[in-house]
Structures are given as structure tokens and as C-alpha cells.
Amino acid sequence: MTSPPGGSDQGGSGTEPEPGRLVCARCGAFADVPPPVTWTCSVENGTRLYFCDARSRENLRAIEGRLDSAWW
């Protein structure tokens, strides 16, 4: 469940996080650095994206589907 840059489902408020804080790439939720263990990190097109625990839970099947068989 990904969107091209500038897609209409970006969801965030467009507010930049304060230094030392992360923002969820899907909904715009904030978290302190280091990210909570419940957050997911993804590298897409060379850009590191973070997703909050709620968005991670919503997309868990898609995340697991991309893991190499060695992880199982």
C-alpha cells in the first residue's frame, strides 16, 4: 500500500517535525527519536520512511508478504 510522491493519500498535515522527532509518512503522527519499537521503518527509493504503530498494524500483511523466506 504505497503511493507515488505527491500522491493524494499522504494524509499528514504537512507540518515539519521538530528536530529529534519523527513523523509518520502515512498519517503525520509524531514520535521522539529513537522511534518506538512499535513503529516501522521502510526505505523506499532511497528515502527512509517511518510509519506509526497504528499504520503498521493496518498494513502488517503487506509488510510480512515482502519479507524474504529466511525471516520465516
C-alpha atoms as a PDB file:
ATOM      1  CA  MET A   1       0.000   0.000   0.000  1.00  0.00           C
ATOM      2  CA  THR A   2       2.276   2.732  -1.268  1.00  0.00           C
ATOM      3  CA  SER A   3       1.697   5.910  -3.187  1.00  0.00           C
ATOM      4  CA  PRO A   4       3.897   7.828  -5.578  1.00  0.00           C
ATOM      5  CA  PRO A   5       5.489  11.017  -4.218  1.00  0.00           C
ATOM      6  CA  GLY A   6       2.920  13.784  -4.100  1.00  0.00           C
ATOM      7  CA  GLY A   7       0.036  11.291  -4.077  1.00  0.00           C
ATOM      8  CA  SER A   8      -3.331  12.355  -2.734  1.00  0.00           C
ATOM      9  CA  ASP A   9      -3.320   9.958   0.241  1.00  0.00           C
ATOM     10  CA  GLN A  10      -0.336  11.471   2.024  1.00  0.00           C
ATOM     11  CA  GLY A  11      -2.641  12.128   4.964  1.00  0.00           C
ATOM     12  CA  GLY A  12      -0.280  14.276   7.055  1.00  0.00           C
ATOM     13  CA  SER A  13      -0.860  17.876   7.964  1.00  0.00           C
ATOM     14  CA  GLY A  14       2.291  18.992   6.154  1.00  0.00           C
ATOM     15  CA  THR A  15       3.806  20.201   9.431  1.00  0.00           C
ATOM     16  CA  GLU A  16       7.526  19.579   9.729  1.00  0.00           C
ATOM     17  CA  PRO A  17       8.591  17.719  12.890  1.00  0.00           C
ATOM     18  CA  GLU A  18      10.816  19.405  15.427  1.00  0.00           C
ATOM     19  CA  PRO A  19      14.475  18.326  15.439  1.00  0.00           C
ATOM     20  CA  GLY A  20      14.814  14.993  17.220  1.00  0.00           C
ATOM     21  CA  ARG A  21      11.271  13.919  16.272  1.00  0.00           C
ATOM     22  CA  LEU A  22       9.946  11.617  13.565  1.00  0.00           C
ATOM     23  CA  VAL A  23       6.757  11.912  11.575  1.00  0.00           C
ATOM     24  CA  CYS A  24       4.607   9.042  10.285  1.00  0.00           C
ATOM     25  CA  ALA A  25       4.740   9.079   6.483  1.00  0.00           C
ATOM     26  CA  ARG A  26       1.091   7.975   6.268  1.00  0.00           C
ATOM     27  CA  CYS A  27      -0.841   9.942   8.912  1.00  0.00           C
ATOM     28  CA  GLY A  28       1.547  12.600  10.236  1.00  0.00           C
ATOM     29  CA  ALA A  29       1.767  11.335  13.839  1.00  0.00           C
ATOM     30  CA  PHE A  30       4.908  12.415  15.714  1.00  0.00           C
ATOM     31  CA  ALA A  31       7.353  10.397  17.843  1.00  0.00           C
ATOM     32  CA  ASP A  32      10.638  11.110  19.586  1.00  0.00           C
ATOM     33  CA  VAL A  33      13.933   9.717  18.298  1.00  0.00           C
ATOM     34  CA  PRO A  34      14.709   6.835  18.592  1.00  0.00           C
ATOM     35  CA  PRO A  35      11.384   5.611  17.237  1.00  0.00           C
ATOM     36  CA  PRO A  36       9.230   3.398  19.447  1.00  0.00           C
ATOM     37  CA  VAL A  37       9.693  -0.319  18.794  1.00  0.00           C
ATOM     38  CA  THR A  38       6.113  -0.427  17.509  1.00  0.00           C
ATOM     39  CA  TRP A  39       6.925   1.908  14.599  1.00  0.00           C
ATOM     40  CA  THR A  40       8.028   0.546  11.206  1.00  0.00           C
ATOM     41  CA  CYS A  41      10.900   1.884   9.115  1.00  0.00           C
ATOM     42  CA  SER A  42      10.904   1.457   5.348  1.00  0.00           C
ATOM     43  CA  VAL A  43      13.435   2.562   2.727  1.00  0.00           C
ATOM     44  CA  GLU A  44      11.640   3.438  -0.489  1.00  0.00           C
ATOM     45  CA  ASN A  45      13.511   4.863  -3.482  1.00  0.00           C
ATOM     46  CA  GLY A  46      16.443   5.638  -1.184  1.00  0.00           C
ATOM     47  CA  THR A  47      14.321   7.599   1.306  1.00  0.00           C
ATOM     48  CA  ARG A  48      13.800   6.379   4.866  1.00  0.00           C
ATOM     49  CA  LEU A  49      10.128   6.494   5.874  1.00  0.00           C
ATOM     50  CA  TYR A  50       8.638   5.811   9.297  1.00  0.00           C
ATOM     51  CA  PHE A  51       5.123   4.534   9.982  1.00  0.00           C
ATOM     52  CA  CYS A  52       3.377   4.764  13.365  1.00  0.00           C
ATOM     53  CA  ASP A  53       2.137   1.711  15.223  1.00  0.00           C
ATOM     54  CA  ALA A  54      -1.465   2.186  14.035  1.00  0.00           C
ATOM     55  CA  ARG A  55      -0.450   2.354  10.349  1.00  0.00           C
ATOM     56  CA  SER A  56       1.980  -0.552  10.850  1.00  0.00           C
ATOM     57  CA  ARG A  57      -0.797  -2.740  12.293  1.00  0.00           C
ATOM     58  CA  GLU A  58      -3.137  -1.809   9.430  1.00  0.00           C
ATOM     59  CA  ASN A  59      -0.563  -2.920   6.861  1.00  0.00           C
ATOM     60  CA  LEU A  60       1.058  -5.873   8.642  1.00  0.00           C
ATOM     61  CA  ARG A  61       0.074  -8.463   5.996  1.00  0.00           C
ATOM     62  CA  ALA A  62       1.658  -6.422   3.207  1.00  0.00           C
ATOM     63  CA  ILE A  63       4.808  -5.912   5.291  1.00  0.00           C
ATOM     64  CA  GLU A  64       5.109  -9.640   6.069  1.00  0.00           C
ATOM     65  CA  GLY A  65       4.475 -10.521   2.429  1.00  0.00           C
ATOM     66  CA  ARG A  66       7.623  -8.650   1.383  1.00  0.00           C
ATOM     67  CA  LEU A  67       9.952 -10.460   3.801  1.00  0.00           C
ATOM     68  CA  ASP A  68      12.431 -12.963   2.403  1.00  0.00           C
ATOM     69  CA  SER A  69      11.736 -16.586   3.274  1.00  0.00           C
ATOM     70  CA  ALA A  70      14.843 -16.569   5.501  1.00  0.00           C
ATOM     71  CA  TRP A  71      12.853 -14.484   8.004  1.00  0.00           C
ATOM     72  CA  TRP A  72      10.347 -17.316   8.422  1.00  0.00           C
END
